[in-house]
Amino acid sequence: MRKNRLIMRRCISCRVVQDRLKLLRFTNDFELGLMINKGTGRSAYVCKTKKCSKDSKFKKNLQKALKLTIDSKFYEIIDMEIQNYK
C-alpha cells in the first residue's frame, strides 16, 4: 500500500512552509478569474490567520504571485473568508 504524502506549500506573506490543507489557496483560473480554494491555474497560498492577511506586503505579494491586478473589494472578501476559519 502507498501512503498519502503531505503536500507542502509556502505562504506568500510569512514564508512558512505548511501542509496545503492548512492554507487558503487563491487561483487565477484562465476562464473564471480569481477564485478561493477552487479552480485550476496559477495559485498562491496564504495562512488562515489575520496576521498574514493584514501584512503590509500581502497585497503586493498576491498580485505578483498571480500576475494580475486585484480589485479592493476582493480583499474584503478575503477578510470575511479568514474570519470563517476562527
Protein backbone atom coordinates (compact mmCIF):
# COMPACT_ATOMS: atom_id res chain seq x y z
CA MET A 1 0.00 0.00 0.00
CA ARG A 2 1.09 3.51 -0.73
CA LYS A 3 0.82 6.17 1.96
CA ASN A 4 -0.54 9.60 1.13
CA ARG A 5 2.20 12.20 1.36
CA LEU A 6 1.66 15.64 2.74
CA ILE A 7 1.90 18.26 0.03
CA MET A 8 3.73 21.27 1.38
CA ARG A 9 3.21 24.84 0.20
CA ARG A 10 4.70 28.21 1.26
CA CYS A 11 2.63 31.16 2.49
CA ILE A 12 3.32 34.22 0.33
CA SER A 13 3.07 36.53 3.34
CA CYS A 14 5.04 34.93 6.20
CA ARG A 15 7.02 32.44 4.03
CA VAL A 16 6.26 29.50 6.38
CA VAL A 17 6.01 26.06 4.75
CA GLN A 18 2.86 24.14 5.78
CA ASP A 19 0.55 21.40 4.56
CA ARG A 20 -1.59 22.79 1.75
CA LEU A 21 -4.80 21.88 3.60
CA LYS A 22 -3.91 24.42 6.33
CA LEU A 23 -3.62 27.27 3.83
CA LEU A 24 -6.05 29.33 1.74
CA ARG A 25 -5.50 28.91 -1.97
CA PHE A 26 -6.06 31.80 -4.38
CA THR A 27 -6.25 30.73 -8.01
CA ASN A 28 -6.21 32.76 -11.19
CA ASP A 29 -8.40 30.50 -13.32
CA PHE A 30 -7.97 31.22 -17.03
CA GLU A 31 -11.75 31.13 -17.69
CA LEU A 32 -13.42 32.08 -14.40
CA GLY A 33 -10.97 34.62 -12.97
CA LEU A 34 -9.85 34.84 -9.34
CA MET A 35 -11.15 32.09 -7.05
CA ILE A 36 -10.63 30.96 -3.45
CA ASN A 37 -9.87 27.25 -2.77
CA LYS A 38 -11.13 26.21 -6.23
CA GLY A 39 -10.12 26.13 -9.85
CA THR A 40 -7.08 25.26 -11.86
CA GLY A 41 -4.36 27.61 -12.94
CA ARG A 42 -1.78 29.83 -11.30
CA SER A 43 -2.14 29.64 -7.50
CA ALA A 44 -0.83 31.34 -4.38
CA TYR A 45 -1.21 30.18 -0.77
CA VAL A 46 -1.79 32.22 2.41
CA CYS A 47 -2.11 31.16 6.06
CA LYS A 48 -5.59 31.26 7.56
CA THR A 49 -4.57 33.90 10.09
CA LYS A 50 -5.27 37.63 10.28
CA LYS A 51 -1.57 38.26 10.76
CA CYS A 52 -0.78 37.13 7.22
CA SER A 53 -3.77 38.79 5.56
CA LYS A 54 -3.11 42.14 7.29
CA ASP A 55 0.59 42.16 6.44
CA SER A 56 1.69 45.32 4.65
CA LYS A 57 3.18 43.39 1.72
CA PHE A 58 0.30 40.91 1.35
CA LYS A 59 -1.49 42.75 -1.47
CA LYS A 60 1.67 43.27 -3.48
CA ASN A 61 2.83 39.66 -2.99
CA LEU A 62 -0.57 38.26 -4.00
CA GLN A 63 -0.73 40.36 -7.16
CA LYS A 64 2.83 39.42 -8.04
CA ALA A 65 2.27 35.70 -7.44
CA LEU A 66 -0.92 35.57 -9.53
CA LYS A 67 0.35 38.03 -12.16
CA LEU A 68 -2.78 40.19 -12.17
CA THR A 69 -4.19 43.31 -10.53
CA ILE A 70 -6.78 42.67 -7.84
CA ASP A 71 -9.77 44.87 -7.00
CA SER A 72 -10.01 46.24 -3.45
CA LYS A 73 -13.42 44.56 -2.98
CA PHE A 74 -11.75 41.17 -3.24
CA TYR A 75 -9.60 41.95 -0.18
CA GLU A 76 -12.81 42.45 1.83
CA ILE A 77 -13.93 39.00 0.72
CA ILE A 78 -10.56 37.61 1.84
CA ASP A 79 -11.06 39.14 5.30
CA MET A 80 -14.53 37.57 5.60
CA GLU A 81 -13.15 34.22 4.45
CA ILE A 82 -10.39 34.27 7.07
CA GLN A 83 -12.91 35.12 9.81
CA ASN A 84 -14.79 31.92 8.93
CA TYR A 85 -11.77 29.84 9.99
CA LYS A 86 -11.56 31.27 13.52
